Amino acid sequence: MAKIDKGMLAIYKISNLIAKAGKPHTIGESFIIPAVAIVLSTVMKQSQQEVTSVIPLNNSSVSRRIDEMAADFESQLQVNEFSLQLDETTLPDNSALLMAYARFFDVDGIREELIFGPEINN
């Protein structure tokens, strides 16, 4: 697999983690990339620039990937019967987090997906 393909796979997986954690999209660029660079240079003795340059985790890239994954999920949700439940929770810093639970019939039976929405600062 080419480095660019591995980088694209990494950004989708990391964007998915960011979305599930309900963290701001900017955390990829401000925290995750620097942490990966430290691990690569310290533990693996690899050039951090070579690896981190193929993983674009800026705000717009992460937002775009999350939107693409949501559109893919929506396109797969071509069922007649489903339920959608919305809930709001408050984080320790008094930010509100919107969550959506989608329940639907799948070939294996009833399936439930938990989808985190954007963090809303009060």
Protein backbone atom coordinates (compact mmCIF):
# COMPACT_ATOMS: atom_id res chain seq x y z
CA MET A 1 0.00 0.00 0.00
CA ALA A 2 1.41 3.41 -0.95
CA LYS A 3 2.26 5.93 1.78
CA ILE A 4 -0.48 8.29 0.60
CA ASP A 5 -3.05 5.47 0.81
CA LYS A 6 -1.92 4.62 4.33
CA GLY A 7 -2.10 8.31 5.24
CA MET A 8 -5.65 8.55 3.89
CA LEU A 9 -6.68 5.43 5.82
CA ALA A 10 -5.12 6.92 8.95
CA ILE A 11 -6.97 10.22 8.59
CA TYR A 12 -10.33 8.45 8.24
CA LYS A 13 -9.66 6.31 11.31
CA ILE A 14 -8.45 9.27 13.37
CA SER A 15 -11.36 11.46 12.19
CA ASN A 16 -13.73 8.69 13.28
CA LEU A 17 -12.10 8.65 16.74
CA ILE A 18 -12.35 12.44 16.99
CA ALA A 19 -16.04 12.34 16.03
CA LYS A 20 -16.85 9.52 18.46
CA ALA A 21 -15.03 11.31 21.27
CA GLY A 22 -16.94 14.51 20.53
CA LYS A 23 -13.71 16.50 20.48
CA PRO A 24 -13.14 19.69 18.46
CA HIS A 25 -11.85 18.93 14.97
CA THR A 26 -8.76 21.04 15.62
CA ILE A 27 -7.46 18.47 18.12
CA GLY A 28 -5.99 16.47 15.23
CA GLU A 29 -3.60 19.21 14.22
CA SER A 30 -2.93 20.62 17.69
CA PHE A 31 -2.56 17.39 19.70
CA ILE A 32 -2.66 14.13 17.71
CA ILE A 33 -0.03 14.94 15.06
CA PRO A 34 2.49 16.24 17.65
CA ALA A 35 1.87 13.12 19.79
CA VAL A 36 2.39 10.83 16.79
CA ALA A 37 5.58 12.71 15.91
CA ILE A 38 6.95 12.18 19.43
CA VAL A 39 6.19 8.45 19.32
CA LEU A 40 7.76 8.06 15.88
CA SER A 41 10.97 9.91 16.73
CA THR A 42 11.39 8.57 20.27
CA VAL A 43 10.16 5.00 20.19
CA MET A 44 10.38 3.98 16.56
CA LYS A 45 13.41 6.12 15.61
CA GLN A 46 11.73 7.15 12.34
CA SER A 47 11.58 10.47 10.59
CA GLN A 48 8.47 12.15 11.95
CA GLN A 49 8.20 14.55 9.01
CA GLU A 50 8.00 11.74 6.46
CA VAL A 51 5.05 10.07 8.22
CA THR A 52 3.11 13.04 9.58
CA SER A 53 3.23 14.89 6.24
CA VAL A 54 0.88 12.31 4.67
CA ILE A 55 -1.70 12.60 7.47
CA PRO A 56 -3.50 15.95 7.02
CA LEU A 57 -5.44 16.49 10.24
CA ASN A 58 -6.34 20.15 9.97
CA ASN A 59 -9.85 21.30 10.90
CA SER A 60 -11.25 21.31 7.36
CA SER A 61 -9.81 17.88 6.48
CA VAL A 62 -11.22 16.27 9.62
CA SER A 63 -14.61 17.96 9.09
CA ARG A 64 -14.71 16.81 5.47
CA ARG A 65 -13.86 13.20 6.39
CA ILE A 66 -16.50 13.14 9.13
CA ASP A 67 -19.08 14.51 6.67
CA GLU A 68 -18.08 11.84 4.13
CA MET A 69 -18.44 9.07 6.74
CA ALA A 70 -21.84 10.46 7.78
CA ALA A 71 -23.00 10.55 4.15
CA ASP A 72 -21.78 6.97 3.70
CA PHE A 73 -23.68 5.91 6.83
CA GLU A 74 -26.79 7.69 5.54
CA SER A 75 -26.53 6.00 2.14
CA GLN A 76 -26.26 2.61 3.86
CA LEU A 77 -29.33 3.37 5.91
CA GLN A 78 -31.70 2.50 3.07
CA VAL A 79 -34.28 0.77 5.26
CA ASN A 80 -37.98 1.31 5.68
CA GLU A 81 -38.12 1.06 9.44
CA PHE A 82 -35.71 2.85 11.74
CA SER A 83 -35.78 4.93 14.86
CA LEU A 84 -33.71 7.95 15.70
CA GLN A 85 -33.26 9.22 19.24
CA LEU A 86 -31.53 12.49 20.08
CA ASP A 87 -30.08 13.27 23.46
CA GLU A 88 -27.92 15.99 24.94
CA THR A 89 -25.31 15.61 27.63
CA THR A 90 -23.15 18.13 29.41
CA LEU A 91 -19.38 17.79 29.59
CA PRO A 92 -17.36 18.80 32.67
CA ASP A 93 -16.57 22.21 31.13
CA ASN A 94 -20.34 22.92 30.72
CA SER A 95 -20.25 22.32 26.96
CA ALA A 96 -23.25 20.54 25.52
CA LEU A 97 -22.76 17.47 23.34
CA LEU A 98 -25.50 16.27 20.97
CA MET A 99 -25.77 12.51 20.54
CA ALA A 100 -27.94 10.54 18.14
CA TYR A 101 -28.85 6.87 18.42
CA ALA A 102 -30.02 5.22 15.22
CA ARG A 103 -31.70 1.81 15.50
CA PHE A 104 -32.60 -0.17 12.42
CA PHE A 105 -33.01 -3.68 11.06
CA ASP A 106 -29.94 -5.22 9.49
CA VAL A 107 -29.37 -8.66 7.98
CA ASP A 108 -28.14 -9.79 11.42
CA GLY A 109 -31.11 -8.33 13.31
CA ILE A 110 -31.60 -5.03 15.09
CA ARG A 111 -28.56 -2.76 14.98
CA GLU A 112 -27.80 0.37 16.96
CA GLU A 113 -25.34 3.09 15.99
CA LEU A 114 -24.24 5.86 18.32
CA ILE A 115 -23.43 9.10 16.54
CA PHE A 116 -21.91 12.10 18.32
CA GLY A 117 -22.77 15.56 17.13
CA PRO A 118 -20.74 18.74 17.45
CA GLU A 119 -19.79 20.18 20.81
CA ILE A 120 -21.80 23.30 21.59
CA ASN A 121 -20.07 25.79 23.89
CA ASN A 122 -22.38 27.72 26.19
